[in-house]
């Protein structure tokens, strides 16, 4: 049965193909995903690798966790299921909240 791994500490310029080739040393890689920043489109420095079997996933963890790769220390472990997060409100502050600074003042009145 396939096993998904979390991989942190990736070099920001690493591609999914490079990550797949690296983890292929430990076994059969089914899928690879490097997580990108929504705004910039750049790598966030972590991703996920799905290995074909639990034994290959265990071998990948043992082989790559803590390994130095291009000056960064990799963190590799079993991926946890994504947790439900509360919905975030869209946009800025609500109208009734105004634009208060940390001292409680309204910035619009002071010309900021």
PDB file of N, CA and C in Angstrom:
ATOM      1  N   UNK A   1       0.827  -1.184   0.000  1.00  0.00           N
ATOM      2  CA  UNK A   1       0.000   0.000   0.000  1.00  0.00           C
ATOM      3  C   UNK A   1       0.876   1.254   0.000  1.00  0.00           C
ATOM      4  N   UNK A   2       0.489   2.259  -0.760  1.00  0.00           N
ATOM      5  CA  UNK A   2       1.274   3.486  -0.906  1.00  0.00           C
ATOM      6  C   UNK A   2       1.315   4.265   0.406  1.00  0.00           C
ATOM      7  N   UNK A   3       2.386   5.025   0.590  1.00  0.00           N
ATOM      8  CA  UNK A   3       2.569   5.830   1.797  1.00  0.00           C
ATOM      9  C   UNK A   3       3.079   7.202   1.400  1.00  0.00           C
ATOM     10  N   UNK A   4       2.420   8.251   1.920  1.00  0.00           N
ATOM     11  CA  UNK A   4       2.800   9.626   1.609  1.00  0.00           C
ATOM     12  C   UNK A   4       3.744  10.155   2.679  1.00  0.00           C
ATOM     13  N   UNK A   5       4.805  10.825   2.223  1.00  0.00           N
ATOM     14  CA  UNK A   5       5.805  11.402   3.114  1.00  0.00           C
ATOM     15  C   UNK A   5       5.817  12.920   2.990  1.00  0.00           C
ATOM     16  N   UNK A   6       6.045  13.585   4.119  1.00  0.00           N
ATOM     17  CA  UNK A   6       6.290  15.029   4.148  1.00  0.00           C
ATOM     18  C   UNK A   6       7.789  15.219   3.999  1.00  0.00           C
ATOM     19  N   UNK A   7       8.202  16.165   3.165  1.00  0.00           N
ATOM     20  CA  UNK A   7       9.619  16.464   2.985  1.00  0.00           C
ATOM     21  C   UNK A   7       9.809  17.963   3.179  1.00  0.00           C
ATOM     22  N   UNK A   8      10.487  18.344   4.248  1.00  0.00           N
ATOM     23  CA  UNK A   8      10.761  19.754   4.539  1.00  0.00           C
ATOM     24  C   UNK A   8      12.228  20.072   4.335  1.00  0.00           C
ATOM     25  N   UNK A   9      12.537  21.350   4.282  1.00  0.00           N
ATOM     26  CA  UNK A   9      13.916  21.786   4.117  1.00  0.00           C
ATOM     27  C   UNK A   9      14.419  21.684   2.690  1.00  0.00           C
ATOM     28  N   UNK A  10      13.494  21.681   1.734  1.00  0.00           N
ATOM     29  CA  UNK A  10      13.901  21.581   0.329  1.00  0.00           C
ATOM     30  C   UNK A  10      14.537  22.885  -0.143  1.00  0.00           C
ATOM     31  N   UNK A  11      15.551  22.799  -1.007  1.00  0.00           N
ATOM     32  CA  UNK A  11      16.069  24.014  -1.621  1.00  0.00           C
ATOM     33  C   UNK A  11      14.940  24.681  -2.424  1.00  0.00           C
ATOM     34  N   UNK A  12      14.849  25.980  -2.365  1.00  0.00           N
ATOM     35  CA  UNK A  12      13.740  26.695  -2.999  1.00  0.00           C
ATOM     36  C   UNK A  12      13.720  26.551  -4.515  1.00  0.00           C
ATOM     37  N   UNK A  13      14.845  26.237  -5.114  1.00  0.00           N
ATOM     38  CA  UNK A  13      14.883  26.112  -6.578  1.00  0.00           C
ATOM     39  C   UNK A  13      14.706  24.676  -7.056  1.00  0.00           C
ATOM     40  N   UNK A  14      14.485  23.739  -6.127  1.00  0.00           N
ATOM     41  CA  UNK A  14      14.320  22.330  -6.500  1.00  0.00           C
ATOM     42  C   UNK A  14      13.019  22.125  -7.269  1.00  0.00           C
ATOM     43  N   UNK A  15      13.087  21.294  -8.303  1.00  0.00           N
ATOM     44  CA  UNK A  15      11.898  20.988  -9.099  1.00  0.00           C
ATOM     45  C   UNK A  15      11.306  19.655  -8.646  1.00  0.00           C
ATOM     46  N   UNK A  16      10.072  19.407  -9.072  1.00  0.00           N
ATOM     47  CA  UNK A  16       9.430  18.138  -8.740  1.00  0.00           C
ATOM     48  C   UNK A  16      10.172  16.966  -9.368  1.00  0.00           C
ATOM     49  N   UNK A  17      10.708  17.150 -10.570  1.00  0.00           N
ATOM     50  CA  UNK A  17      11.484  16.084 -11.218  1.00  0.00           C
ATOM     51  C   UNK A  17      12.735  15.749 -10.409  1.00  0.00           C
ATOM     52  N   UNK A  18      13.422  16.778  -9.909  1.00  0.00           N
ATOM     53  CA  UNK A  18      14.614  16.544  -9.096  1.00  0.00           C
ATOM     54  C   UNK A  18      14.262  15.812  -7.809  1.00  0.00           C
ATOM     55  N   UNK A  19      13.147  16.198  -7.188  1.00  0.00           N
ATOM     56  CA  UNK A  19      12.713  15.539  -5.958  1.00  0.00           C
ATOM     57  C   UNK A  19      12.359  14.075  -6.231  1.00  0.00           C
ATOM     58  N   UNK A  20      11.686  13.843  -7.332  1.00  0.00           N
ATOM     59  CA  UNK A  20      11.324  12.457  -7.710  1.00  0.00           C
ATOM     60  C   UNK A  20      12.576  11.623  -7.940  1.00  0.00           C
ATOM     61  N   UNK A  21      13.539  12.167  -8.661  1.00  0.00           N
ATOM     62  CA  UNK A  21      14.789  11.442  -8.918  1.00  0.00           C
ATOM     63  C   UNK A  21      15.530  11.139  -7.621  1.00  0.00           C
ATOM     64  N   UNK A  22      15.548  12.079  -6.698  1.00  0.00           N
ATOM     65  CA  UNK A  22      16.229  11.877  -5.424  1.00  0.00           C
ATOM     66  C   UNK A  22      15.584  10.728  -4.653  1.00  0.00           C
ATOM     67  N   UNK A  23      14.267  10.741  -4.519  1.00  0.00           N
ATOM     68  CA  UNK A  23      13.583   9.719  -3.734  1.00  0.00           C
ATOM     69  C   UNK A  23      13.484   8.380  -4.458  1.00  0.00           C
ATOM     70  N   UNK A  24      13.718   8.378  -5.755  1.00  0.00           N
ATOM     71  CA  UNK A  24      13.747   7.119  -6.501  1.00  0.00           C
ATOM     72  C   UNK A  24      14.899   6.229  -6.047  1.00  0.00           C
ATOM     73  N   UNK A  25      15.900   6.828  -5.394  1.00  0.00           N
ATOM     74  CA  UNK A  25      17.009   6.043  -4.846  1.00  0.00           C
ATOM     75  C   UNK A  25      16.530   5.092  -3.757  1.00  0.00           C
ATOM     76  N   UNK A  26      15.398   5.431  -3.102  1.00  0.00           N
ATOM     77  CA  UNK A  26      14.878   4.609  -2.002  1.00  0.00           C
ATOM     78  C   UNK A  26      13.779   3.652  -2.446  1.00  0.00           C
ATOM     79  N   UNK A  27      13.243   3.834  -3.661  1.00  0.00           N
ATOM     80  CA  UNK A  27      12.176   2.961  -4.130  1.00  0.00           C
ATOM     81  C   UNK A  27      11.331   3.628  -5.202  1.00  0.00           C
ATOM     82  N   UNK A  28      10.169   3.044  -5.450  1.00  0.00           N
ATOM     83  CA  UNK A  28       9.278   3.541  -6.493  1.00  0.00           C
ATOM     84  C   UNK A  28       8.479   4.740  -6.001  1.00  0.00           C
ATOM     85  N   UNK A  29       8.595   5.851  -6.724  1.00  0.00           N
ATOM     86  CA  UNK A  29       7.867   7.074  -6.388  1.00  0.00           C
ATOM     87  C   UNK A  29       6.613   7.129  -7.246  1.00  0.00           C
ATOM     88  N   UNK A  30       5.455   7.239  -6.589  1.00  0.00           N
ATOM     89  CA  UNK A  30       4.187   7.309  -7.305  1.00  0.00           C
ATOM     90  C   UNK A  30       3.836   8.747  -7.676  1.00  0.00           C
ATOM     91  N   UNK A  31       4.033   9.668  -6.720  1.00  0.00           N
ATOM     92  CA  UNK A  31       3.643  11.062  -6.950  1.00  0.00           C
ATOM     93  C   UNK A  31       4.536  11.996  -6.146  1.00  0.00           C
ATOM     94  N   UNK A  32       4.727  13.201  -6.659  1.00  0.00           N
ATOM     95  CA  UNK A  32       5.533  14.229  -5.998  1.00  0.00           C
ATOM     96  C   UNK A  32       4.809  15.558  -6.138  1.00  0.00           C
ATOM     97  N   UNK A  33       4.814  16.346  -5.065  1.00  0.00           N
ATOM     98  CA  UNK A  33       4.227  17.691  -5.119  1.00  0.00           C
ATOM     99  C   UNK A  33       5.059  18.622  -4.252  1.00  0.00           C
ATOM    100  N   UNK A  34       5.587  19.688  -4.861  1.00  0.00           N
ATOM    101  CA  UNK A  34       6.257  20.745  -4.105  1.00  0.00           C
ATOM    102  C   UNK A  34       5.230  21.850  -3.917  1.00  0.00           C
ATOM    103  N   UNK A  35       5.067  22.310  -2.687  1.00  0.00           N
ATOM    104  CA  UNK A  35       4.051  23.312  -2.364  1.00  0.00           C
ATOM    105  C   UNK A  35       4.578  24.705  -2.721  1.00  0.00           C
ATOM    106  N   UNK A  36       3.751  25.439  -3.450  1.00  0.00           N
ATOM    107  CA  UNK A  36       4.124  26.772  -3.926  1.00  0.00           C
ATOM    108  C   UNK A  36       3.354  27.852  -3.176  1.00  0.00           C
ATOM    109  N   UNK A  37       3.976  29.012  -3.034  1.00  0.00           N
ATOM    110  CA  UNK A  37       3.324  30.172  -2.451  1.00  0.00           C
ATOM    111  C   UNK A  37       2.280  30.689  -3.430  1.00  0.00           C
ATOM    112  N   UNK A  38       1.085  30.970  -2.951  1.00  0.00           N
ATOM    113  CA  UNK A  38       0.005  31.425  -3.837  1.00  0.00           C
ATOM    114  C   UNK A  38       0.297  32.758  -4.502  1.00  0.00           C
ATOM    115  N   UNK A  39       0.957  33.643  -3.783  1.00  0.00           N
ATOM    116  CA  UNK A  39       1.193  34.995  -4.301  1.00  0.00           C
ATOM    117  C   UNK A  39       2.372  35.036  -5.269  1.00  0.00           C
ATOM    118  N   UNK A  40       3.503  34.458  -4.853  1.00  0.00           N
ATOM    119  CA  UNK A  40       4.722  34.569  -5.660  1.00  0.00           C
ATOM    120  C   UNK A  40       4.910  33.422  -6.642  1.00  0.00           C
ATOM    121  N   UNK A  41       4.268  32.273  -6.385  1.00  0.00           N
ATOM    122  CA  UNK A  41       4.458  31.113  -7.238  1.00  0.00           C
ATOM    123  C   UNK A  41       5.768  30.390  -6.983  1.00  0.00           C
ATOM    124  N   UNK A  42       6.509  30.817  -5.951  1.00  0.00           N
ATOM    125  CA  UNK A  42       7.782  30.183  -5.610  1.00  0.00           C
ATOM    126  C   UNK A  42       7.567  29.049  -4.616  1.00  0.00           C
ATOM    127  N   UNK A  43       8.527  28.147  -4.565  1.00  0.00           N
ATOM    128  CA  UNK A  43       8.485  27.039  -3.619  1.00  0.00           C
ATOM    129  C   UNK A  43       8.465  27.561  -2.191  1.00  0.00           C
ATOM    130  N   UNK A  44       7.716  26.874  -1.321  1.00  0.00           N
ATOM    131  CA  UNK A  44       7.693  27.217   0.100  1.00  0.00           C
ATOM    132  C   UNK A  44       8.717  26.393   0.874  1.00  0.00           C
ATOM    133  N   UNK A  45       9.492  25.560   0.173  1.00  0.00           N
ATOM    134  CA  UNK A  45      10.560  24.804   0.815  1.00  0.00           C
ATOM    135  C   UNK A  45      10.126  23.469   1.383  1.00  0.00           C
ATOM    136  N   UNK A  46       8.907  23.026   1.038  1.00  0.00           N
ATOM    137  CA  UNK A  46       8.486  21.701   1.474  1.00  0.00           C
ATOM    138  C   UNK A  46       7.571  21.088   0.432  1.00  0.00           C
ATOM    139  N   UNK A  47       7.373  19.782   0.563  1.00  0.00           N
ATOM    140  CA  UNK A  47       6.526  19.089  -0.390  1.00  0.00           C
ATOM    141  C   UNK A  47       6.159  17.711   0.122  1.00  0.00           C
ATOM    142  N   UNK A  48       5.594  16.916  -0.762  1.00  0.00           N
ATOM    143  CA  UNK A  48       5.141  15.574  -0.419  1.00  0.00           C
ATOM    144  C   UNK A  48       5.595  14.594  -1.488  1.00  0.00           C
ATOM    145  N   UNK A  49       5.980  13.409  -1.036  1.00  0.00           N
ATOM    146  CA  UNK A  49       6.391  12.341  -1.928  1.00  0.00           C
ATOM    147  C   UNK A  49       5.577  11.111  -1.543  1.00  0.00           C
ATOM    148  N   UNK A  50       4.951  10.487  -2.521  1.00  0.00           N
ATOM    149  CA  UNK A  50       4.201   9.260  -2.260  1.00  0.00           C
ATOM    150  C   UNK A  50       5.006   8.080  -2.790  1.00  0.00           C
ATOM    151  N   UNK A  51       5.353   7.185  -1.862  1.00  0.00           N
ATOM    152  CA  UNK A  51       6.125   5.994  -2.205  1.00  0.00           C
ATOM    153  C   UNK A  51       5.167   4.825  -2.416  1.00  0.00           C
ATOM    154  N   UNK A  52       5.576   3.836  -3.233  1.00  0.00           N
ATOM    155  CA  UNK A  52       4.703   2.727  -3.612  1.00  0.00           C
ATOM    156  C   UNK A  52       4.342   1.813  -2.438  1.00  0.00           C
ATOM    157  N   UNK A  53       5.276   1.580  -1.531  1.00  0.00           N
ATOM    158  CA  UNK A  53       5.009   0.683  -0.404  1.00  0.00           C
ATOM    159  C   UNK A  53       5.452   1.317   0.904  1.00  0.00           C
ATOM    160  N   UNK A  54       4.953   0.769   1.992  1.00  0.00           N
ATOM    161  CA  UNK A  54       5.360   1.253   3.313  1.00  0.00           C
ATOM    162  C   UNK A  54       6.834   0.979   3.562  1.00  0.00           C
ATOM    163  N   UNK A  55       7.332  -0.141   3.056  1.00  0.00           N
ATOM    164  CA  UNK A  55       8.746  -0.484   3.229  1.00  0.00           C
ATOM    165  C   UNK A  55       9.638   0.525   2.500  1.00  0.00           C
ATOM    166  N   UNK A  56       9.249   0.924   1.292  1.00  0.00           N
ATOM    167  CA  UNK A  56      10.031   1.927   0.548  1.00  0.00           C
ATOM    168  C   UNK A  56       9.944   3.290   1.235  1.00  0.00           C
ATOM    169  N   UNK A  57       8.782   3.598   1.806  1.00  0.00           N
ATOM    170  CA  UNK A  57       8.638   4.870   2.538  1.00  0.00           C
ATOM    171  C   UNK A  57       9.543   4.870   3.765  1.00  0.00           C
ATOM    172  N   UNK A  58       9.586   3.750   4.487  1.00  0.00           N
ATOM    173  CA  UNK A  58      10.460   3.652   5.658  1.00  0.00           C
ATOM    174  C   UNK A  58      11.922   3.782   5.254  1.00  0.00           C
ATOM    175  N   UNK A  59      12.283   3.179   4.119  1.00  0.00           N
ATOM    176  CA  UNK A  59      13.657   3.282   3.621  1.00  0.00           C
ATOM    177  C   UNK A  59      13.997   4.730   3.260  1.00  0.00           C
ATOM    178  N   UNK A  60      13.032   5.445   2.667  1.00  0.00           N
ATOM    179  CA  UNK A  60      13.254   6.847   2.291  1.00  0.00           C
ATOM    180  C   UNK A  60      13.435   7.716   3.532  1.00  0.00           C
ATOM    181  N   UNK A  61      12.627   7.482   4.566  1.00  0.00           N
ATOM    182  CA  UNK A  61      12.763   8.248   5.808  1.00  0.00           C
ATOM    183  C   UNK A  61      14.146   8.012   6.397  1.00  0.00           C
ATOM    184  N   UNK A  62      14.540   6.746   6.472  1.00  0.00           N
ATOM    185  CA  UNK A  62      15.843   6.420   7.041  1.00  0.00           C
ATOM    186  C   UNK A  62      16.988   7.011   6.217  1.00  0.00           C
ATOM    187  N   UNK A  63      16.853   6.990   4.902  1.00  0.00           N
ATOM    188  CA  UNK A  63      17.924   7.464   4.024  1.00  0.00           C
ATOM    189  C   UNK A  63      18.032   8.984   3.972  1.00  0.00           C
ATOM    190  N   UNK A  64      16.891   9.696   4.012  1.00  0.00           N
ATOM    191  CA  UNK A  64      16.934  11.135   3.749  1.00  0.00           C
ATOM    192  C   UNK A  64      16.665  12.043   4.944  1.00  0.00           C
ATOM    193  N   UNK A  65      16.029  11.553   6.006  1.00  0.00           N
ATOM    194  CA  UNK A  65      15.741  12.419   7.151  1.00  0.00           C
ATOM    195  C   UNK A  65      17.038  12.870   7.810  1.00  0.00           C
ATOM    196  N   UNK A  66      17.201  14.168   7.917  1.00  0.00           N
ATOM    197  CA  UNK A  66      18.402  14.747   8.512  1.00  0.00           C
ATOM    198  C   UNK A  66      19.566  14.887   7.553  1.00  0.00           C
ATOM    199  N   UNK A  67      19.409  14.430   6.312  1.00  0.00           N
ATOM    200  CA  UNK A  67      20.483  14.497   5.325  1.00  0.00           C
ATOM    201  C   UNK A  67      20.657  15.944   4.850  1.00  0.00           C
ATOM    202  N   UNK A  68      21.910  16.342   4.672  1.00  0.00           N
ATOM    203  CA  UNK A  68      22.209  17.661   4.114  1.00  0.00           C
ATOM    204  C   UNK A  68      22.083  17.563   2.599  1.00  0.00           C
ATOM    205  N   UNK A  69      21.254  18.434   2.014  1.00  0.00           N
ATOM    206  CA  UNK A  69      21.088  18.438   0.562  1.00  0.00           C
ATOM    207  C   UNK A  69      21.192  19.872   0.078  1.00  0.00           C
ATOM    208  N   UNK A  70      22.246  20.153  -0.676  1.00  0.00           N
ATOM    209  CA  UNK A  70      22.516  21.489  -1.211  1.00  0.00           C
ATOM    210  C   UNK A  70      22.464  22.557  -0.120  1.00  0.00           C
ATOM    211  N   UNK A  71      23.086  22.244   1.006  1.00  0.00           N
ATOM    212  CA  UNK A  71      23.193  23.215   2.088  1.00  0.00           C
ATOM    213  C   UNK A  71      21.967  23.315   2.988  1.00  0.00           C
ATOM    214  N   UNK A  72      20.967  22.476   2.779  1.00  0.00           N
ATOM    215  CA  UNK A  72      19.764  22.483   3.626  1.00  0.00           C
ATOM    216  C   UNK A  72      19.567  21.102   4.224  1.00  0.00           C
ATOM    217  N   UNK A  73      19.114  21.066   5.458  1.00  0.00           N
ATOM    218  CA  UNK A  73      18.869  19.794   6.135  1.00  0.00           C
ATOM    219  C   UNK A  73      17.443  19.351   5.870  1.00  0.00           C
ATOM    220  N   UNK A  74      17.304  18.173   5.249  1.00  0.00           N
ATOM    221  CA  UNK A  74      15.985  17.643   4.923  1.00  0.00           C
ATOM    222  C   UNK A  74      15.306  17.072   6.169  1.00  0.00           C
ATOM    223  N   UNK A  75      14.008  17.267   6.250  1.00  0.00           N
ATOM    224  CA  UNK A  75      13.178  16.650   7.282  1.00  0.00           C
ATOM    225  C   UNK A  75      12.179  15.764   6.553  1.00  0.00           C
ATOM    226  N   UNK A  76      12.237  14.473   6.802  1.00  0.00           N
ATOM    227  CA  UNK A  76      11.360  13.527   6.105  1.00  0.00           C
ATOM    228  C   UNK A  76      10.642  12.680   7.142  1.00  0.00           C
ATOM    229  N   UNK A  77       9.310  12.667   7.067  1.00  0.00           N
ATOM    230  CA  UNK A  77       8.522  11.819   7.946  1.00  0.00           C
ATOM    231  C   UNK A  77       7.175  11.521   7.307  1.00  0.00           C
ATOM    232  N   UNK A  78       6.433  10.644   7.949  1.00  0.00           N
ATOM    233  CA  UNK A  78       5.126  10.276   7.423  1.00  0.00           C
ATOM    234  C   UNK A  78       4.214  11.496   7.448  1.00  0.00           C
ATOM    235  N   UNK A  79       3.533  11.722   6.330  1.00  0.00           N
ATOM    236  CA  UNK A  79       2.628  12.875   6.229  1.00  0.00           C
ATOM    237  C   UNK A  79       1.390  12.626   7.078  1.00  0.00           C
ATOM    238  N   UNK A  80       0.948  13.668   7.771  1.00  0.00           N
ATOM    239  CA  UNK A  80      -0.289  13.593   8.542  1.00  0.00           C
ATOM    240  C   UNK A  80      -1.439  14.054   7.665  1.00  0.00           C
ATOM    241  N   UNK A  81      -2.644  13.568   7.938  1.00  0.00           N
ATOM    242  CA  UNK A  81      -3.799  14.039   7.164  1.00  0.00           C
ATOM    243  C   UNK A  81      -4.001  15.537   7.381  1.00  0.00           C
ATOM    244  N   UNK A  82      -4.451  16.222   6.342  1.00  0.00           N
ATOM    245  CA  UNK A  82      -4.682  17.654   6.444  1.00  0.00           C
ATOM    246  C   UNK A  82      -5.830  17.911   7.414  1.00  0.00           C
ATOM    247  N   UNK A  83      -5.614  18.826   8.354  1.00  0.00           N
ATOM    248  CA  UNK A  83      -6.627  19.145   9.356  1.00  0.00           C
ATOM    249  C   UNK A  83      -7.589  20.193   8.827  1.00  0.00           C
ATOM    250  N   UNK A  84      -8.818  20.106   9.291  1.00  0.00           N
ATOM    251  CA  UNK A  84      -9.808  21.129   8.955  1.00  0.00           C
ATOM    252  C   UNK A  84      -9.410  22.433   9.640  1.00  0.00           C
ATOM    253  N   UNK A  85      -9.462  23.520   8.905  1.00  0.00           N
ATOM    254  CA  UNK A  85      -9.175  24.831   9.477  1.00  0.00           C
ATOM    255  C   UNK A  85     -10.413  25.694   9.321  1.00  0.00           C
ATOM    256  N   UNK A  86     -10.658  26.566  10.288  1.00  0.00           N
ATOM    257  CA  UNK A  86     -11.822  27.443  10.145  1.00  0.00           C
ATOM    258  C   UNK A  86     -11.650  28.365   8.943  1.00  0.00           C
ATOM    259  N   UNK A  87     -12.758  28.669   8.305  1.00  0.00           N
ATOM    260  CA  UNK A  87     -12.714  29.563   7.142  1.00  0.00           C
ATOM    261  C   UNK A  87     -12.237  30.942   7.570  1.00  0.00           C
ATOM    262  N   UNK A  88     -11.395  31.534   6.744  1.00  0.00           N
ATOM    263  CA  UNK A  88     -10.913  32.891   7.028  1.00  0.00           C
ATOM    264  C   UNK A  88     -11.801  33.869   6.296  1.00  0.00           C
ATOM    265  N   UNK A  89     -12.085  34.997   6.925  1.00  0.00           N
ATOM    266  CA  UNK A  89     -12.907  35.987   6.231  1.00  0.00           C
ATOM    267  C   UNK A  89     -12.156  36.573   5.035  1.00  0.00           C
ATOM    268  N   UNK A  90     -12.879  36.814   3.973  1.00  0.00           N
ATOM    269  CA  UNK A  90     -12.273  37.402   2.779  1.00  0.00           C
ATOM    270  C   UNK A  90     -12.107  38.900   2.970  1.00  0.00           C
ATOM    271  N   UNK A  91     -11.062  39.448   2.368  1.00  0.00           N
ATOM    272  CA  UNK A  91     -10.861  40.895   2.407  1.00  0.00           C
ATOM    273  C   UNK A  91     -10.288  41.387   3.715  1.00  0.00           C
ATOM    274  N   UNK A  92     -10.412  42.672   3.941  1.00  0.00           N
ATOM    275  CA  UNK A  92      -9.863  43.327   5.125  1.00  0.00           C
ATOM    276  C   UNK A  92     -10.849  43.356   6.271  1.00  0.00           C
ATOM    277  N   UNK A  93     -10.690  44.355   7.146  1.00  0.00           N
ATOM    278  CA  UNK A  93     -11.572  44.438   8.307  1.00  0.00           C
ATOM    279  C   UNK A  93     -13.014  44.738   7.901  1.00  0.00           C
ATOM    280  N   UNK A  94     -13.931  44.273   8.740  1.00  0.00           N
ATOM    281  CA  UNK A  94     -15.337  44.573   8.477  1.00  0.00           C
ATOM    282  C   UNK A  94     -15.576  46.056   8.684  1.00  0.00           C
ATOM    283  N   UNK A  95     -16.624  46.580   8.076  1.00  0.00           N
ATOM    284  CA  UNK A  95     -16.922  48.012   8.181  1.00  0.00           C
ATOM    285  C   UNK A  95     -17.066  48.477   9.611  1.00  0.00           C
ATOM    286  N   UNK A  96     -17.714  47.682  10.445  1.00  0.00           N
ATOM    287  CA  UNK A  96     -17.943  48.118  11.822  1.00  0.00           C
ATOM    288  C   UNK A  96     -16.680  48.052  12.677  1.00  0.00           C
ATOM    289  N   UNK A  97     -15.597  47.423  12.166  1.00  0.00           N
ATOM    290  CA  UNK A  97     -14.354  47.355  12.928  1.00  0.00           C
ATOM    291  C   UNK A  97     -13.465  48.567  12.679  1.00  0.00           C
ATOM    292  N   UNK A  98     -13.621  49.223  11.576  1.00  0.00           N
ATOM    293  CA  UNK A  98     -12.783  50.378  11.277  1.00  0.00           C
ATOM    294  C   UNK A  98     -11.342  49.987  11.035  1.00  0.00           C
ATOM    295  N   UNK A  99     -10.470  50.965  11.072  1.00  0.00           N
ATOM    296  CA  UNK A  99      -9.042  50.749  10.871  1.00  0.00           C
ATOM    297  C   UNK A  99      -8.336  51.210  12.130  1.00  0.00           C
ATOM    298  N   UNK A 100      -8.314  50.396  13.122  1.00  0.00           N
ATOM    299  CA  UNK A 100      -7.726  50.754  14.414  1.00  0.00           C
ATOM    300  C   UNK A 100      -6.252  50.353  14.439  1.00  0.00           C
ATOM    301  N   UNK A 101      -5.436  51.189  15.029  1.00  0.00           N
ATOM    302  CA  UNK A 101      -4.040  50.811  15.220  1.00  0.00           C
ATOM    303  C   UNK A 101      -3.908  50.134  16.584  1.00  0.00           C
ATOM    304  N   UNK A 102      -2.679  49.753  16.957  1.00  0.00           N
ATOM    305  CA  UNK A 102      -2.486  49.006  18.199  1.00  0.00           C
ATOM    306  C   UNK A 102      -2.826  49.813  19.450  1.00  0.00           C
ATOM    307  N   UNK A 103      -2.888  51.136  19.363  1.00  0.00           N
ATOM    308  CA  UNK A 103      -3.247  51.961  20.522  1.00  0.00           C
ATOM    309  C   UNK A 103      -4.744  52.221  20.584  1.00  0.00           C
ATOM    310  N   UNK A 104      -5.494  51.672  19.641  1.00  0.00           N
ATOM    311  CA  UNK A 104      -6.935  51.848  19.669  1.00  0.00           C
ATOM    312  C   UNK A 104      -7.428  53.051  18.889  1.00  0.00           C
ATOM    313  N   UNK A 105      -6.518  53.838  18.324  1.00  0.00           N
ATOM    314  CA  UNK A 105      -6.927  55.022  17.581  1.00  0.00           C
ATOM    315  C   UNK A 105      -7.360  54.684  16.167  1.00  0.00           C
ATOM    316  N   UNK A 106      -8.093  55.579  15.584  1.00  0.00           N
ATOM    317  CA  UNK A 106      -8.549  55.383  14.210  1.00  0.00           C
ATOM    318  C   UNK A 106      -7.550  56.070  13.290  1.00  0.00           C
ATOM    319  N   UNK A 107      -6.850  55.318  12.465  1.00  0.00           N
ATOM    320  CA  UNK A 107      -5.793  55.863  11.608  1.00  0.00           C
ATOM    321  C   UNK A 107      -6.325  56.852  10.576  1.00  0.00           C
ATOM    322  N   UNK A 108      -7.565  56.718  10.192  1.00  0.00           N
ATOM    323  CA  UNK A 108      -8.084  57.617   9.173  1.00  0.00           C
ATOM    324  C   UNK A 108      -8.112  59.065   9.667  1.00  0.00           C
ATOM    325  N   UNK A 109      -8.323  59.262  10.947  1.00  0.00           N
ATOM    326  CA  UNK A 109      -8.397  60.625  11.478  1.00  0.00           C
ATOM    327  C   UNK A 109      -7.024  61.273  11.602  1.00  0.00           C
ATOM    328  N   UNK A 110      -5.971  60.479  11.638  1.00  0.00           N
ATOM    329  CA  UNK A 110      -4.642  61.051  11.802  1.00  0.00           C
ATOM    330  C   UNK A 110      -3.874  61.167  10.499  1.00  0.00           C
ATOM    331  N   UNK A 111      -4.495  60.817   9.401  1.00  0.00           N
ATOM    332  CA  UNK A 111      -3.846  60.999   8.116  1.00  0.00           C
ATOM    333  C   UNK A 111      -2.895  59.901   7.722  1.00  0.00           C
ATOM    334  N   UNK A 112      -2.948  58.750   8.354  1.00  0.00           N
ATOM    335  CA  UNK A 112      -2.055  57.653   7.979  1.00  0.00           C
ATOM    336  C   UNK A 112      -2.648  56.965   6.830  1.00  0.00           C
TER     337      UNK A 112
END
